[in-house]
Amino acid sequence: MPMKSLSKAKPKALAVPRAPSGKSKSPVAGESREVRFAMIREAAYFHALNAGFTGDSAEHWFAAEREIDRLLGRA
């Protein structure tokens, strides 16, 4: 009986959350909205980590926004 060949289909990419508004530039030191969003997302994770993943996730996010805006000279 002949063997069937295995398909060489490419694996599907994992879905990655995207920043909320296209590729328009924000007035934040020339950084795109996607870059700012990614920076806030990562900072919010570390805020939550430092708090032992307790507390309000929105507060972690808002603290991260303030931190990143300060870093980018927006605040």
Protein backbone atom coordinates (compact mmCIF):
# COMPACT_ATOMS: atom_id res chain seq x y z
CA MET A 1 0.00 0.00 0.00
CA PRO A 2 1.50 3.42 -0.96
CA MET A 3 2.27 5.83 1.84
CA LYS A 4 0.50 9.16 1.92
CA SER A 5 2.74 12.18 1.84
CA LEU A 6 2.54 14.54 4.77
CA SER A 7 1.31 18.03 4.06
CA LYS A 8 3.92 20.73 4.31
CA ALA A 9 1.43 23.37 5.39
CA LYS A 10 2.82 26.20 7.46
CA PRO A 11 1.70 26.34 11.08
CA LYS A 12 -0.74 29.11 11.92
CA ALA A 13 0.67 32.10 13.75
CA LEU A 14 -0.51 32.82 17.27
CA ALA A 15 -2.85 35.75 17.70
CA VAL A 16 -1.17 38.74 19.31
CA PRO A 17 -3.16 41.59 20.86
CA ARG A 18 -2.87 44.76 18.85
CA ALA A 19 -2.95 48.40 19.78
CA PRO A 20 -6.37 49.96 19.37
CA SER A 21 -5.90 52.37 16.49
CA GLY A 22 -4.06 51.59 13.32
CA LYS A 23 -0.64 52.89 12.45
CA SER A 24 -1.21 56.57 13.01
CA LYS A 25 1.43 58.42 14.93
CA SER A 26 0.77 59.80 18.36
CA PRO A 27 2.37 62.97 19.66
CA VAL A 28 4.39 60.91 22.13
CA ALA A 29 8.02 61.62 21.25
CA GLY A 30 7.50 60.25 17.74
CA GLU A 31 6.54 56.77 18.94
CA SER A 32 3.68 54.99 17.26
CA ARG A 33 0.57 54.10 19.21
CA GLU A 34 1.45 50.42 18.84
CA VAL A 35 4.84 50.94 20.49
CA ARG A 36 3.31 52.94 23.36
CA PHE A 37 0.60 50.29 23.82
CA ALA A 38 3.20 47.50 23.96
CA MET A 39 5.29 49.45 26.47
CA ILE A 40 2.26 50.03 28.70
CA ARG A 41 1.21 46.38 28.44
CA GLU A 42 4.65 45.20 29.55
CA ALA A 43 4.90 47.77 32.36
CA ALA A 44 1.42 46.82 33.61
CA TYR A 45 2.52 43.19 33.78
CA PHE A 46 5.51 44.14 35.95
CA HIS A 47 3.32 46.32 38.19
CA ALA A 48 1.04 43.30 38.71
CA LEU A 49 4.03 41.00 39.26
CA ASN A 50 5.46 43.32 41.91
CA ALA A 51 2.07 43.34 43.63
CA GLY A 52 1.96 39.54 43.65
CA PHE A 53 -0.81 39.58 41.03
CA THR A 54 -3.21 40.98 43.61
CA GLY A 55 -5.23 44.16 43.41
CA ASP A 56 -7.08 45.81 40.58
CA SER A 57 -5.70 45.15 37.08
CA ALA A 58 -7.02 48.53 35.92
CA GLU A 59 -4.92 50.25 38.58
CA HIS A 60 -1.84 48.37 37.34
CA TRP A 61 -2.65 49.54 33.81
CA PHE A 62 -3.18 53.18 34.85
CA ALA A 63 0.07 53.20 36.83
CA ALA A 64 1.85 51.79 33.78
CA GLU A 65 0.32 54.48 31.55
CA ARG A 66 1.57 57.20 33.89
CA GLU A 67 5.03 55.61 34.01
CA ILE A 68 5.37 55.25 30.23
CA ASP A 69 3.99 58.72 29.52
CA ARG A 70 6.53 60.14 31.96
CA LEU A 71 9.33 58.17 30.23
CA LEU A 72 8.25 59.40 26.82
CA GLY A 73 8.01 62.99 28.00
CA ARG A 74 4.26 63.18 27.67
CA ALA A 75 3.39 63.81 31.31
